[in-house]
Structure formats: structure tokens, C-alpha cells
């Protein structure tokens, strides 16, 4: 059985997928960017939304090149409007 990562979805991402979290296959060398690509392939309705989201790994915003492991807590967070 292959390892998987659990991705928590918030706001618009959750609405587009229809679930608060999804599980995706984890691959060795996976990064935040490849995770987002896998998310877009699994849920094409998210593709236009993905360039504007941030990904948090274990509660900290991560950059695209940062590694992802199957034990990480991953969250897709939409942009926050302020005023």
C-alpha cells in the first residue's frame, strides 16, 4: 500500500472540492509545488484557484520548493482580505 498525504482544505478550496480534507498519493521527493500539482490533477475545479493559495506545513507557511512528508499536517489556505 502506498503512502498518502492528508491535505486540509479551507474556504473556497473546501467548497470547490466538497470536503474539508482530501488524501493524495505521496511520492518521494514531493514538494509543496508538486503537492499543488497533484491536487489540481485530482480536482481540476481547483486549478484556477491554486495560484492564489498558500500551503501551510505543520502550521507554518511553506514555499514551493519545501519538502512534504506523509506525516506532515498540510493545509491549503486561501488569501485573506483585510481592511
Protein backbone atom coordinates (compact mmCIF):
# COMPACT_ATOMS: atom_id res chain seq x y z
CA UNK A 1 0.00 0.00 0.00
CA UNK A 2 1.46 3.36 -0.98
CA UNK A 3 1.76 6.22 1.46
CA UNK A 4 -0.65 9.12 1.26
CA UNK A 5 -0.77 12.70 2.50
CA UNK A 6 -3.81 14.32 4.03
CA UNK A 7 -4.48 17.87 2.90
CA UNK A 8 -6.85 20.10 4.88
CA UNK A 9 -8.91 22.45 2.72
CA UNK A 10 -10.34 25.78 3.82
CA UNK A 11 -12.87 28.30 2.46
CA UNK A 12 -13.15 28.29 -1.36
CA UNK A 13 -10.97 25.21 -1.80
CA UNK A 14 -13.20 23.23 0.55
CA UNK A 15 -16.30 24.49 -1.28
CA UNK A 16 -14.94 23.52 -4.71
CA UNK A 17 -13.97 20.01 -3.60
CA UNK A 18 -16.97 19.48 -1.34
CA UNK A 19 -14.89 18.13 1.54
CA UNK A 20 -12.77 19.57 4.37
CA UNK A 21 -9.84 17.29 3.56
CA UNK A 22 -8.52 15.01 0.84
CA UNK A 23 -5.91 12.26 0.70
CA UNK A 24 -3.42 12.15 -2.14
CA UNK A 25 -0.62 9.71 -3.00
CA UNK A 26 2.72 10.77 -1.55
CA UNK A 27 5.81 10.34 -3.69
CA UNK A 28 9.43 10.53 -2.55
CA UNK A 29 10.79 14.00 -3.18
CA UNK A 30 7.33 15.59 -3.06
CA UNK A 31 7.40 19.34 -2.52
CA UNK A 32 4.72 21.91 -1.86
CA UNK A 33 4.66 22.67 -5.60
CA UNK A 34 4.27 19.04 -6.65
CA UNK A 35 1.59 18.63 -4.00
CA UNK A 36 -0.35 21.53 -5.54
CA UNK A 37 0.07 20.00 -8.99
CA UNK A 38 -1.26 16.67 -7.71
CA UNK A 39 -4.18 18.48 -6.08
CA UNK A 40 -5.00 20.20 -9.38
CA UNK A 41 -4.85 16.90 -11.27
CA UNK A 42 -7.12 15.19 -8.76
CA UNK A 43 -9.55 18.13 -8.59
CA UNK A 44 -9.50 20.14 -11.85
CA UNK A 45 -12.01 22.66 -10.47
CA UNK A 46 -9.22 23.85 -8.14
CA UNK A 47 -6.72 24.66 -10.92
CA UNK A 48 -7.73 28.35 -11.35
CA UNK A 49 -7.72 28.79 -7.57
CA UNK A 50 -4.31 27.22 -6.79
CA UNK A 51 -2.01 30.11 -7.83
CA UNK A 52 -3.53 32.30 -5.10
CA UNK A 53 -3.46 29.83 -2.19
CA UNK A 54 -0.80 29.33 0.45
CA UNK A 55 0.19 25.96 1.83
CA UNK A 56 0.98 25.51 5.49
CA UNK A 57 3.17 22.59 6.52
CA UNK A 58 2.86 21.78 10.22
CA UNK A 59 1.31 25.18 10.92
CA UNK A 60 3.90 27.28 9.06
CA UNK A 61 3.52 28.77 5.59
CA UNK A 62 5.80 26.92 3.19
CA UNK A 63 7.42 27.79 -0.13
CA UNK A 64 7.06 25.72 -3.30
CA UNK A 65 10.44 24.01 -3.04
CA UNK A 66 9.94 22.79 0.54
CA UNK A 67 9.66 19.03 1.07
CA UNK A 68 6.45 17.33 2.12
CA UNK A 69 6.34 14.07 4.06
CA UNK A 70 3.36 11.78 4.66
CA UNK A 71 3.38 12.63 8.38
CA UNK A 72 3.14 16.42 7.84
CA UNK A 73 -0.01 18.36 8.59
CA UNK A 74 -0.79 20.09 5.30
CA UNK A 75 -3.33 22.85 4.81
CA UNK A 76 -4.42 24.81 1.74
CA UNK A 77 -5.26 28.33 2.87
CA UNK A 78 -6.94 30.96 0.70
CA UNK A 79 -5.78 34.56 0.51
CA UNK A 80 -7.05 36.69 3.37
CA UNK A 81 -8.64 40.03 2.62
CA UNK A 82 -8.17 42.79 5.13
CA UNK A 83 -9.37 46.26 5.60
